[in-house]
Amino acid sequence: MQFPGGKNFAFTVFDDTDDATVENIRPVYELLVDCGMRTTKSVWVYPPRGSYTSSSLADSDYLQFIRSLKERGFEIGLHNIGDGFFSRAEILRGFEIFRELLGHEPAIHANHVSNPDNLYWWDRRFEWPFDFLYRLLSGRARRVGGEDKSSESFWGDIAKTHIRYMRNLTFNDVNTLARDPRMPYRVDRKSECSNLWFSSSDGQTVDEFTDLIAARNVDRLSEEGGVCIVYTHLASGFTNGSTVHSEFERRLRYLASRAGGWFVPVSTVLDHLVSVHGGDADPGYAYRLVRNVWWGIDRVRKRVRYRR
């Protein structure tokens, strides 16, 4: 894999906005800037209505902070319009608010836990027989999501128009591309309400992220000429007041010091992969099923290691 500017590996982050406030994430973003990294920060337009907490674009200080990130080269994406139930009218208005406040539509999106407006989520996230196993083990019948026109929260047509990339599976490997070498790609059975899907490396909490970027993993990522897209929650234990977790900072600085690193937002990396692959064709059921198997194996390993 070749990258712009003669770089030989890529590293970026999708920051899930759950529980994020200016106070608990600003120090991490200042560290990213100091390391020369630009990543993707997701936001909520509306204040949360469910069980999660986070500032939103309705909070003036948070909005100012998000605008400052955008001005410094960070990508601003979407993690649904907010936490909880939102009607179609509210979602449509949320997109208008996003554009009015930030000057553009969101190009990248990740579903939020169990929001009713999630797109192709729950069992629909997986291939057969993993979809069946999900329903069996979770005890949940098939749920209606934001891709279903009968849903009060239908917004699949808006997603198709504006959202270029959606996140699906996560893996434990630091080299995301090694686990999903053809991403991003179209999934034909989901194409009515989505465009391209991508995978990520699992760094949800500070412990998982810190382990993921251990020196041996970073060295391997560089040697393999790989791509790492970390999915994380930067509000999940990365700071204590104004201080960033010391081991995380040490390892991130080591990563940033590696020659040949391309540190740009997620959509920029995915745009490059599309240009390399030369298209967005569905890679087929067999290919997607293998990704599901890897996901299942990694979920078991994660539960054993982190008890979650």
C-alpha atoms as a PDB file:
ATOM      1  CA  MET A   1       0.000   0.000   0.000  1.00  0.00           C
ATOM      2  CA  GLN A   2       1.318   3.426  -0.986  1.00  0.00           C
ATOM      3  CA  PHE A   3       0.155   6.622   0.678  1.00  0.00           C
ATOM      4  CA  PRO A   4       0.350  10.308  -0.320  1.00  0.00           C
ATOM      5  CA  GLY A   5       3.595  12.148   0.321  1.00  0.00           C
ATOM      6  CA  GLY A   6       5.643   8.970   0.300  1.00  0.00           C
ATOM      7  CA  LYS A   7       4.166   7.804   3.619  1.00  0.00           C
ATOM      8  CA  ASN A   8       4.189   4.074   4.241  1.00  0.00           C
ATOM      9  CA  PHE A   9       1.451   3.504   6.837  1.00  0.00           C
ATOM     10  CA  ALA A  10      -1.711   5.267   7.996  1.00  0.00           C
ATOM     11  CA  PHE A  11      -3.141   5.813  11.459  1.00  0.00           C
ATOM     12  CA  THR A  12      -6.330   7.603  12.418  1.00  0.00           C
ATOM     13  CA  VAL A  13      -9.117   7.619  15.017  1.00  0.00           C
ATOM     14  CA  PHE A  14     -12.920   7.756  15.051  1.00  0.00           C
ATOM     15  CA  ASP A  15     -13.894   9.255  18.401  1.00  0.00           C
ATOM     16  CA  ASP A  16     -17.343   8.137  19.578  1.00  0.00           C
ATOM     17  CA  THR A  17     -18.924  11.106  21.359  1.00  0.00           C
ATOM     18  CA  ASP A  18     -20.504   9.163  24.263  1.00  0.00           C
ATOM     19  CA  ASP A  19     -20.030  11.092  27.538  1.00  0.00           C
ATOM     20  CA  ALA A  20     -17.772  13.695  25.891  1.00  0.00           C
ATOM     21  CA  THR A  21     -17.466  17.219  27.288  1.00  0.00           C
ATOM     22  CA  VAL A  22     -14.973  19.949  26.525  1.00  0.00           C
ATOM     23  CA  GLU A  23     -13.305  19.326  29.877  1.00  0.00           C
ATOM     24  CA  ASN A  24     -12.736  15.584  29.510  1.00  0.00           C
ATOM     25  CA  ILE A  25     -11.578  15.468  25.882  1.00  0.00           C
ATOM     26  CA  ARG A  26      -9.793  18.785  25.225  1.00  0.00           C
ATOM     27  CA  PRO A  27      -6.457  17.572  26.691  1.00  0.00           C
ATOM     28  CA  VAL A  28      -6.458  14.542  24.364  1.00  0.00           C
ATOM     29  CA  TYR A  29      -7.091  16.698  21.318  1.00  0.00           C
ATOM     30  CA  GLU A  30      -4.318  19.068  22.336  1.00  0.00           C
ATOM     31  CA  LEU A  31      -2.061  16.014  22.518  1.00  0.00           C
ATOM     32  CA  LEU A  32      -3.161  14.907  19.040  1.00  0.00           C
ATOM     33  CA  VAL A  33      -2.372  18.367  17.679  1.00  0.00           C
ATOM     34  CA  ASP A  34       1.016  18.339  19.384  1.00  0.00           C
ATOM     35  CA  CYS A  35       1.720  14.946  17.795  1.00  0.00           C
ATOM     36  CA  GLY A  36       0.781  16.228  14.337  1.00  0.00           C
ATOM     37  CA  MET A  37      -2.273  13.987  14.089  1.00  0.00           C
ATOM     38  CA  ARG A  38      -5.664  14.837  12.624  1.00  0.00           C
ATOM     39  CA  THR A  39      -8.554  12.490  13.323  1.00  0.00           C
ATOM     40  CA  THR A  40     -12.374  12.280  13.236  1.00  0.00           C
ATOM     41  CA  LYS A  41     -14.592  13.537  16.064  1.00  0.00           C
ATOM     42  CA  SER A  42     -18.247  12.507  16.077  1.00  0.00           C
ATOM     43  CA  VAL A  43     -20.935  14.731  17.605  1.00  0.00           C
ATOM     44  CA  TRP A  44     -24.553  14.797  18.653  1.00  0.00           C
ATOM     45  CA  VAL A  45     -26.715  17.648  17.429  1.00  0.00           C
ATOM     46  CA  TYR A  46     -29.272  17.411  20.239  1.00  0.00           C
ATOM     47  CA  PRO A  47     -28.758  16.915  24.000  1.00  0.00           C
ATOM     48  CA  PRO A  48     -29.040  13.237  25.024  1.00  0.00           C
ATOM     49  CA  ARG A  49     -32.444  11.761  25.813  1.00  0.00           C
ATOM     50  CA  GLY A  50     -31.307   8.258  26.748  1.00  0.00           C
ATOM     51  CA  SER A  51     -29.012   6.867  29.409  1.00  0.00           C
ATOM     52  CA  TYR A  52     -25.794   8.418  28.079  1.00  0.00           C
ATOM     53  CA  THR A  53     -24.347  11.840  28.746  1.00  0.00           C
ATOM     54  CA  SER A  54     -22.433  14.106  26.415  1.00  0.00           C
ATOM     55  CA  SER A  55     -22.366  17.692  25.371  1.00  0.00           C
ATOM     56  CA  SER A  56     -23.957  18.449  22.019  1.00  0.00           C
ATOM     57  CA  LEU A  57     -23.955  21.162  19.385  1.00  0.00           C
ATOM     58  CA  ALA A  58     -26.703  22.801  21.445  1.00  0.00           C
ATOM     59  CA  ASP A  59     -24.037  23.676  24.067  1.00  0.00           C
ATOM     60  CA  SER A  60     -22.270  26.907  23.127  1.00  0.00           C
ATOM     61  CA  ASP A  61     -18.884  26.066  24.674  1.00  0.00           C
ATOM     62  CA  TYR A  62     -18.871  22.625  23.091  1.00  0.00           C
ATOM     63  CA  LEU A  63     -19.882  24.053  19.701  1.00  0.00           C
ATOM     64  CA  GLN A  64     -17.034  26.535  19.885  1.00  0.00           C
ATOM     65  CA  PHE A  65     -14.637  23.704  20.705  1.00  0.00           C
ATOM     66  CA  ILE A  66     -15.904  21.572  17.793  1.00  0.00           C
ATOM     67  CA  ARG A  67     -15.544  24.507  15.416  1.00  0.00           C
ATOM     68  CA  SER A  68     -11.981  25.013  16.597  1.00  0.00           C
ATOM     69  CA  LEU A  69     -11.217  21.351  15.878  1.00  0.00           C
ATOM     70  CA  LYS A  70     -12.621  21.696  12.384  1.00  0.00           C
ATOM     71  CA  GLU A  71     -10.531  24.817  11.761  1.00  0.00           C
ATOM     72  CA  ARG A  72      -7.416  22.881  12.788  1.00  0.00           C
ATOM     73  CA  GLY A  73      -8.092  20.081  10.315  1.00  0.00           C
ATOM     74  CA  PHE A  74     -10.122  17.537  12.261  1.00  0.00           C
ATOM     75  CA  GLU A  75     -13.100  15.878  10.603  1.00  0.00           C
ATOM     76  CA  ILE A  76     -16.512  16.238  12.270  1.00  0.00           C
ATOM     77  CA  GLY A  77     -18.769  13.228  11.816  1.00  0.00           C
ATOM     78  CA  LEU A  78     -22.053  11.933  13.180  1.00  0.00           C
ATOM     79  CA  HIS A  79     -22.966   9.448  15.907  1.00  0.00           C
ATOM     80  CA  ASN A  80     -26.691   9.657  15.200  1.00  0.00           C
ATOM     81  CA  ILE A  81     -28.439  12.975  15.788  1.00  0.00           C
ATOM     82  CA  GLY A  82     -28.452  12.278  19.501  1.00  0.00           C
ATOM     83  CA  ASP A  83     -28.838   9.636  22.202  1.00  0.00           C
ATOM     84  CA  GLY A  84     -32.358   8.213  22.393  1.00  0.00           C
ATOM     85  CA  PHE A  85     -35.483   8.389  20.264  1.00  0.00           C
ATOM     86  CA  PHE A  86     -35.774  11.047  17.555  1.00  0.00           C
ATOM     87  CA  SER A  87     -38.518  11.310  14.967  1.00  0.00           C
ATOM     88  CA  ARG A  88     -37.866  11.634  11.257  1.00  0.00           C
ATOM     89  CA  ALA A  89     -38.725  15.339  11.408  1.00  0.00           C
ATOM     90  CA  GLU A  90     -36.211  15.867  14.217  1.00  0.00           C
ATOM     91  CA  ILE A  91     -33.530  13.952  12.335  1.00  0.00           C
ATOM     92  CA  LEU A  92     -34.092  15.997   9.168  1.00  0.00           C
ATOM     93  CA  ARG A  93     -33.930  19.191  11.193  1.00  0.00           C
ATOM     94  CA  GLY A  94     -30.803  17.866  12.908  1.00  0.00           C
ATOM     95  CA  PHE A  95     -29.034  17.614   9.561  1.00  0.00           C
ATOM     96  CA  GLU A  96     -30.023  21.199   8.799  1.00  0.00           C
ATOM     97  CA  ILE A  97     -28.669  22.344  12.168  1.00  0.00           C
ATOM     98  CA  PHE A  98     -25.407  20.448  11.597  1.00  0.00           C
ATOM     99  CA  ARG A  99     -24.981  22.191   8.242  1.00  0.00           C
ATOM    100  CA  GLU A 100     -25.935  25.616   9.620  1.00  0.00           C
ATOM    101  CA  LEU A 101     -23.495  25.359  12.530  1.00  0.00           C
ATOM    102  CA  LEU A 102     -20.559  23.620  10.810  1.00  0.00           C
ATOM    103  CA  GLY A 103     -20.978  24.589   7.158  1.00  0.00           C
ATOM    104  CA  HIS A 104     -21.287  21.096   5.674  1.00  0.00           C
ATOM    105  CA  GLU A 105     -23.207  17.827   5.906  1.00  0.00           C
ATOM    106  CA  PRO A 106     -21.641  14.950   7.883  1.00  0.00           C
ATOM    107  CA  ALA A 107     -19.893  12.508   5.528  1.00  0.00           C
ATOM    108  CA  ILE A 108     -19.198   9.745   8.049  1.00  0.00           C
ATOM    109  CA  HIS A 109     -21.411   8.046  10.633  1.00  0.00           C
ATOM    110  CA  ALA A 110     -21.323   5.373  13.325  1.00  0.00           C
ATOM    111  CA  ASN A 111     -24.454   3.931  14.957  1.00  0.00           C
ATOM    112  CA  HIS A 112     -25.045   4.622  18.650  1.00  0.00           C
ATOM    113  CA  VAL A 113     -25.610   1.500  20.807  1.00  0.00           C
ATOM    114  CA  SER A 114     -29.369   0.815  20.612  1.00  0.00           C
ATOM    115  CA  ASN A 115     -30.791   4.017  19.139  1.00  0.00           C
ATOM    116  CA  PRO A 116     -34.103   3.299  17.343  1.00  0.00           C
ATOM    117  CA  ASP A 117     -32.829   5.160  14.258  1.00  0.00           C
ATOM    118  CA  ASN A 118     -29.687   3.018  13.849  1.00  0.00           C
ATOM    119  CA  LEU A 119     -29.091   1.908  10.270  1.00  0.00           C
ATOM    120  CA  TYR A 120     -28.749  -1.814   9.514  1.00  0.00           C
ATOM    121  CA  TRP A 121     -27.961  -2.562  13.146  1.00  0.00           C
ATOM    122  CA  TRP A 122     -28.575  -5.414  15.595  1.00  0.00           C
ATOM    123  CA  ASP A 123     -28.922  -8.682  13.629  1.00  0.00           C
ATOM    124  CA  ARG A 124     -28.917  -6.781  10.314  1.00  0.00           C
ATOM    125  CA  ARG A 125     -25.341  -5.857  11.025  1.00  0.00           C
ATOM    126  CA  PHE A 126     -24.237  -9.433  10.329  1.00  0.00           C
ATOM    127  CA  GLU A 127     -24.299 -12.119   7.661  1.00  0.00           C
ATOM    128  CA  TRP A 128     -26.153 -15.411   7.986  1.00  0.00           C
ATOM    129  CA  PRO A 129     -25.793 -17.384  10.259  1.00  0.00           C
ATOM    130  CA  PHE A 130     -24.368 -14.661  12.539  1.00  0.00           C
ATOM    131  CA  ASP A 131     -27.610 -12.692  12.256  1.00  0.00           C
ATOM    132  CA  PHE A 132     -29.526 -15.745  13.495  1.00  0.00           C
ATOM    133  CA  LEU A 133     -27.022 -16.328  16.318  1.00  0.00           C
ATOM    134  CA  TYR A 134     -27.339 -12.693  17.373  1.00  0.00           C
ATOM    135  CA  ARG A 135     -31.124 -12.979  17.646  1.00  0.00           C
ATOM    136  CA  LEU A 136     -30.804 -16.295  19.488  1.00  0.00           C
ATOM    137  CA  LEU A 137     -28.192 -15.155  22.023  1.00  0.00           C
ATOM    138  CA  SER A 138     -29.638 -11.675  22.585  1.00  0.00           C
ATOM    139  CA  GLY A 139     -33.219 -12.893  22.843  1.00  0.00           C
ATOM    140  CA  ARG A 140     -34.315 -10.067  20.559  1.00  0.00           C
ATOM    141  CA  ALA A 141     -36.673 -10.330  17.651  1.00  0.00           C
ATOM    142  CA  ARG A 142     -35.747  -8.456  14.482  1.00  0.00           C
ATOM    143  CA  ARG A 143     -35.962  -4.728  15.192  1.00  0.00           C
ATOM    144  CA  VAL A 144     -37.016  -1.932  12.888  1.00  0.00           C
ATOM    145  CA  GLY A 145     -34.259   0.629  12.313  1.00  0.00           C
ATOM    146  CA  GLY A 146     -33.755   3.906  10.521  1.00  0.00           C
ATOM    147  CA  GLU A 147     -33.521   2.140   7.154  1.00  0.00           C
ATOM    148  CA  ASP A 148     -37.135   0.925   7.394  1.00  0.00           C
ATOM    149  CA  LYS A 149     -39.708   3.237   5.826  1.00  0.00           C
ATOM    150  CA  SER A 150     -42.310   2.089   8.348  1.00  0.00           C
ATOM    151  CA  SER A 151     -40.197   3.402  11.233  1.00  0.00           C
ATOM    152  CA  GLU A 152     -41.013   6.707  12.911  1.00  0.00           C
ATOM    153  CA  SER A 153     -37.254   7.336  12.781  1.00  0.00           C
ATOM    154  CA  PHE A 154     -36.729   6.544   9.091  1.00  0.00           C
ATOM    155  CA  TRP A 155     -33.839   8.546   7.639  1.00  0.00           C
ATOM    156  CA  GLY A 156     -32.232   6.082   5.273  1.00  0.00           C
ATOM    157  CA  ASP A 157     -32.879   8.313   2.276  1.00  0.00           C
ATOM    158  CA  ILE A 158     -30.993  11.159   3.965  1.00  0.00           C
ATOM    159  CA  ALA A 159     -28.125   8.838   4.857  1.00  0.00           C
ATOM    160  CA  LYS A 160     -27.932   7.643   1.252  1.00  0.00           C
ATOM    161  CA  THR A 161     -27.695  11.231   0.038  1.00  0.00           C
ATOM    162  CA  HIS A 162     -25.220  12.624   2.556  1.00  0.00           C
ATOM    163  CA  ILE A 163     -23.373   9.877   4.473  1.00  0.00           C
ATOM    164  CA  ARG A 164     -20.531   8.412   2.409  1.00  0.00           C
ATOM    165  CA  TYR A 165     -19.035   6.083   5.035  1.00  0.00           C
ATOM    166  CA  MET A 166     -20.589   3.996   7.826  1.00  0.00           C
ATOM    167  CA  ARG A 167     -18.745   1.945  10.406  1.00  0.00           C
ATOM    168  CA  ASN A 168     -19.589  -1.697  10.973  1.00  0.00           C
ATOM    169  CA  LEU A 169     -17.206  -4.299  12.454  1.00  0.00           C
ATOM    170  CA  THR A 170     -14.331  -3.841  14.907  1.00  0.00           C
ATOM    171  CA  PHE A 171     -11.250  -6.061  15.267  1.00  0.00           C
ATOM    172  CA  ASN A 172      -8.478  -6.429  17.831  1.00  0.00           C
ATOM    173  CA  ASP A 173      -5.686  -6.195  15.246  1.00  0.00           C
ATOM    174  CA  VAL A 174      -3.824  -2.876  15.002  1.00  0.00           C
ATOM    175  CA  ASN A 175      -3.762  -3.267  11.212  1.00  0.00           C
ATOM    176  CA  THR A 176      -7.431  -2.809  10.340  1.00  0.00           C
ATOM    177  CA  LEU A 177      -6.697  -3.346   6.674  1.00  0.00           C
ATOM    178  CA  ALA A 178      -5.208  -6.782   7.381  1.00  0.00           C
ATOM    179  CA  ARG A 179      -8.570  -7.906   8.747  1.00  0.00           C
ATOM    180  CA  ASP A 180     -10.656  -6.137   6.095  1.00  0.00           C
ATOM    181  CA  PRO A 181      -8.413  -5.525   3.063  1.00  0.00           C
ATOM    182  CA  ARG A 182     -11.187  -4.522   0.667  1.00  0.00           C
ATOM    183  CA  MET A 183     -12.783  -1.809   2.790  1.00  0.00           C
ATOM    184  CA  PRO A 184     -14.558   0.481   2.237  1.00  0.00           C
ATOM    185  CA  TYR A 185     -17.149  -1.232   0.090  1.00  0.00           C
ATOM    186  CA  ARG A 186     -20.805  -1.372  -0.806  1.00  0.00           C
ATOM    187  CA  VAL A 187     -23.075  -4.099   0.583  1.00  0.00           C
ATOM    188  CA  ASP A 188     -25.745  -4.716  -2.027  1.00  0.00           C
ATOM    189  CA  ARG A 189     -28.483  -5.783   0.400  1.00  0.00           C
ATOM    190  CA  LYS A 190     -27.958  -2.532   2.337  1.00  0.00           C
ATOM    191  CA  SER A 191     -27.384  -0.236  -0.624  1.00  0.00           C
ATOM    192  CA  GLU A 192     -30.825   1.384  -0.629  1.00  0.00           C
ATOM    193  CA  CYS A 193     -29.953   3.380   2.496  1.00  0.00           C
ATOM    194  CA  SER A 194     -26.160   3.292   2.663  1.00  0.00           C
ATOM    195  CA  ASN A 195     -23.096   3.839   0.530  1.00  0.00           C
ATOM    196  CA  LEU A 196     -19.762   2.439   1.754  1.00  0.00           C
ATOM    197  CA  TRP A 197     -18.960   0.449   4.910  1.00  0.00           C
ATOM    198  CA  PHE A 198     -15.676   0.332   6.786  1.00  0.00           C
ATOM    199  CA  SER A 199     -14.186  -1.594   9.702  1.00  0.00           C
ATOM    200  CA  SER A 200     -12.060  -0.375  12.592  1.00  0.00           C
ATOM    201  CA  SER A 201      -9.609  -1.510  15.244  1.00  0.00           C
ATOM    202  CA  ASP A 202     -11.049  -1.774  18.742  1.00  0.00           C
ATOM    203  CA  GLY A 203      -9.751   0.797  21.212  1.00  0.00           C
ATOM    204  CA  GLN A 204     -12.962   1.646  23.028  1.00  0.00           C
ATOM    205  CA  THR A 205     -11.433   2.515  26.400  1.00  0.00           C
ATOM    206  CA  VAL A 206      -8.078   3.926  27.438  1.00  0.00           C
ATOM    207  CA  ASP A 207      -6.832   0.457  28.417  1.00  0.00           C
ATOM    208  CA  GLU A 208      -7.791  -1.095  25.077  1.00  0.00           C
ATOM    209  CA  PHE A 209      -6.427   1.817  23.045  1.00  0.00           C
ATOM    210  CA  THR A 210      -3.176   1.878  25.015  1.00  0.00           C
ATOM    211  CA  ASP A 211      -2.693  -1.863  24.512  1.00  0.00           C
ATOM    212  CA  LEU A 212      -3.497  -1.535  20.814  1.00  0.00           C
ATOM    213  CA  ILE A 213      -0.684   0.976  20.223  1.00  0.00           C
ATOM    214  CA  ALA A 214       2.009  -0.888  22.146  1.00  0.00           C
ATOM    215  CA  ALA A 215       5.402  -0.354  20.498  1.00  0.00           C
ATOM    216  CA  ARG A 216       5.509  -3.857  19.001  1.00  0.00           C
ATOM    217  CA  ASN A 217       2.118  -3.280  17.356  1.00  0.00           C
ATOM    218  CA  VAL A 218       3.122   0.120  16.022  1.00  0.00           C
ATOM    219  CA  ASP A 219       6.336  -1.332  14.622  1.00  0.00           C
ATOM    220  CA  ARG A 220       4.375  -4.100  12.893  1.00  0.00           C
ATOM    221  CA  LEU A 221       1.866  -1.613  11.462  1.00  0.00           C
ATOM    222  CA  SER A 222       4.749   0.340   9.961  1.00  0.00           C
ATOM    223  CA  GLU A 223       6.517  -2.770   8.655  1.00  0.00           C
ATOM    224  CA  GLU A 224       3.328  -4.078   7.046  1.00  0.00           C
ATOM    225  CA  GLY A 225       2.512  -0.725   5.465  1.00  0.00           C
ATOM    226  CA  GLY A 226      -0.915  -1.037   7.021  1.00  0.00           C
ATOM    227  CA  VAL A 227      -3.881   1.120   7.956  1.00  0.00           C
ATOM    228  CA  CYS A 228      -5.177   1.524  11.504  1.00  0.00           C
ATOM    229  CA  ILE A 229      -8.577   3.138  12.082  1.00  0.00           C
ATOM    230  CA  VAL A 230      -9.150   3.092  15.842  1.00  0.00           C
ATOM    231  CA  TYR A 231     -12.724   3.257  17.106  1.00  0.00           C
ATOM    232  CA  THR A 232     -12.669   4.729  20.602  1.00  0.00           C
ATOM    233  CA  HIS A 233     -14.354   6.850  23.260  1.00  0.00           C
ATOM    234  CA  LEU A 234     -11.872   9.567  24.197  1.00  0.00           C
ATOM    235  CA  ALA A 235     -14.116  10.461  27.141  1.00  0.00           C
ATOM    236  CA  SER A 236     -13.560   6.981  28.609  1.00  0.00           C
ATOM    237  CA  GLY A 237     -10.711   7.396  31.083  1.00  0.00           C
ATOM    238  CA  PHE A 238      -8.176   9.136  28.840  1.00  0.00           C
ATOM    239  CA  THR A 239      -7.892  12.191  31.102  1.00  0.00           C
ATOM    240  CA  ASN A 240      -7.820  13.039  34.784  1.00  0.00           C
ATOM    241  CA  GLY A 241      -8.615  16.710  34.969  1.00  0.00           C
ATOM    242  CA  SER A 242      -6.197  18.432  32.606  1.00  0.00           C
ATOM    243  CA  THR A 243      -3.783  15.477  32.562  1.00  0.00           C
ATOM    244  CA  VAL A 244      -3.761  12.814  29.858  1.00  0.00           C
ATOM    245  CA  HIS A 245      -3.260   9.167  30.880  1.00  0.00           C
ATOM    246  CA  SER A 246       0.533   8.931  31.053  1.00  0.00           C
ATOM    247  CA  GLU A 247       1.090   5.553  29.364  1.00  0.00           C
ATOM    248  CA  PHE A 248      -1.363   6.377  26.590  1.00  0.00           C
ATOM    249  CA  GLU A 249       0.475   9.648  25.959  1.00  0.00           C
ATOM    250  CA  ARG A 250       3.858   7.936  25.924  1.00  0.00           C
ATOM    251  CA  ARG A 251       2.728   5.346  23.401  1.00  0.00           C
ATOM    252  CA  LEU A 252       0.931   7.874  21.202  1.00  0.00           C
ATOM    253  CA  ARG A 253       4.059  10.013  21.045  1.00  0.00           C
ATOM    254  CA  TYR A 254       6.088   6.967  20.050  1.00  0.00           C
ATOM    255  CA  LEU A 255       3.575   6.259  17.268  1.00  0.00           C
ATOM    256  CA  ALA A 256       3.752   9.872  16.082  1.00  0.00           C
ATOM    257  CA  SER A 257       7.553   9.704  16.016  1.00  0.00           C
ATOM    258  CA  ARG A 258       7.606   6.833  13.539  1.00  0.00           C
ATOM    259  CA  ALA A 259       8.827   8.021  10.146  1.00  0.00           C
ATOM    260  CA  GLY A 260       6.395   7.399   7.325  1.00  0.00           C
ATOM    261  CA  GLY A 261       3.165   7.790   9.287  1.00  0.00           C
ATOM    262  CA  TRP A 262       0.191   9.356   7.524  1.00  0.00           C
ATOM    263  CA  PHE A 263      -1.993  10.898  10.245  1.00  0.00           C
ATOM    264  CA  VAL A 264      -5.182  12.233   8.644  1.00  0.00           C
ATOM    265  CA  PRO A 265      -8.948  11.972   9.371  1.00  0.00           C
ATOM    266  CA  VAL A 266     -10.852   8.769   8.720  1.00  0.00           C
ATOM    267  CA  SER A 267     -12.664   9.905   5.566  1.00  0.00           C
ATOM    268  CA  THR A 268      -9.375  11.031   4.037  1.00  0.00           C
ATOM    269  CA  VAL A 269      -7.910   7.571   4.588  1.00  0.00           C
ATOM    270  CA  LEU A 270     -11.036   5.886   3.217  1.00  0.00           C
ATOM    271  CA  ASP A 271     -11.077   8.157   0.156  1.00  0.00           C
ATOM    272  CA  HIS A 272      -7.522   7.043  -0.546  1.00  0.00           C
ATOM    273  CA  LEU A 273      -8.443   3.367  -0.178  1.00  0.00           C
ATOM    274  CA  VAL A 274     -11.311   3.825  -2.634  1.00  0.00           C
ATOM    275  CA  SER A 275      -8.889   5.356  -5.136  1.00  0.00           C
ATOM    276  CA  VAL A 276      -6.489   2.431  -4.682  1.00  0.00           C
ATOM    277  CA  HIS A 277      -9.175  -0.240  -4.979  1.00  0.00           C
ATOM    278  CA  GLY A 278     -10.600   1.474  -8.035  1.00  0.00           C
ATOM    279  CA  GLY A 279     -14.245   1.083  -7.123  1.00  0.00           C
ATOM    280  CA  ASP A 280     -16.857   0.295  -4.504  1.00  0.00           C
ATOM    281  CA  ALA A 281     -18.151  -3.144  -5.530  1.00  0.00           C
ATOM    282  CA  ASP A 282     -19.712  -5.509  -3.008  1.00  0.00           C
ATOM    283  CA  PRO A 283     -16.938  -8.033  -2.190  1.00  0.00           C
ATOM    284  CA  GLY A 284     -19.492 -10.818  -1.850  1.00  0.00           C
ATOM    285  CA  TYR A 285     -21.116 -12.947   0.844  1.00  0.00           C
ATOM    286  CA  ALA A 286     -18.152 -15.291   1.389  1.00  0.00           C
ATOM    287  CA  TYR A 287     -15.777 -12.384   1.972  1.00  0.00           C
ATOM    288  CA  ARG A 288     -18.160 -10.640   4.370  1.00  0.00           C
ATOM    289  CA  LEU A 289     -18.819 -13.899   6.240  1.00  0.00           C
ATOM    290  CA  VAL A 290     -15.092 -14.338   6.916  1.00  0.00           C
ATOM    291  CA  ARG A 291     -15.034 -10.818   8.441  1.00  0.00           C
ATOM    292  CA  ASN A 292     -17.938 -11.863  10.685  1.00  0.00           C
ATOM    293  CA  VAL A 293     -15.980 -14.917  11.827  1.00  0.00           C
ATOM    294  CA  TRP A 294     -12.955 -12.777  12.676  1.00  0.00           C
ATOM    295  CA  TRP A 295     -15.227 -10.340  14.521  1.00  0.00           C
ATOM    296  CA  GLY A 296     -16.696 -13.192  16.582  1.00  0.00           C
ATOM    297  CA  ILE A 297     -13.277 -14.574  17.492  1.00  0.00           C
ATOM    298  CA  ASP A 298     -12.029 -11.139  18.498  1.00  0.00           C
ATOM    299  CA  ARG A 299     -15.135 -10.484  20.614  1.00  0.00           C
ATOM    300  CA  VAL A 300     -14.468 -13.665  22.603  1.00  0.00           C
ATOM    301  CA  ARG A 301     -10.805 -12.729  23.049  1.00  0.00           C
ATOM    302  CA  LYS A 302     -11.783  -9.246  24.172  1.00  0.00           C
ATOM    303  CA  ARG A 303     -14.258 -10.544  26.726  1.00  0.00           C
ATOM    304  CA  VAL A 304     -11.646 -12.886  28.182  1.00  0.00           C
ATOM    305  CA  ARG A 305      -9.010 -10.154  28.374  1.00  0.00           C
ATOM    306  CA  TYR A 306     -11.033  -7.115  29.426  1.00  0.00           C
ATOM    307  CA  ARG A 307     -14.130  -8.724  30.966  1.00  0.00           C
ATOM    308  CA  ARG A 308     -16.433  -6.694  28.711  1.00  0.00           C
END
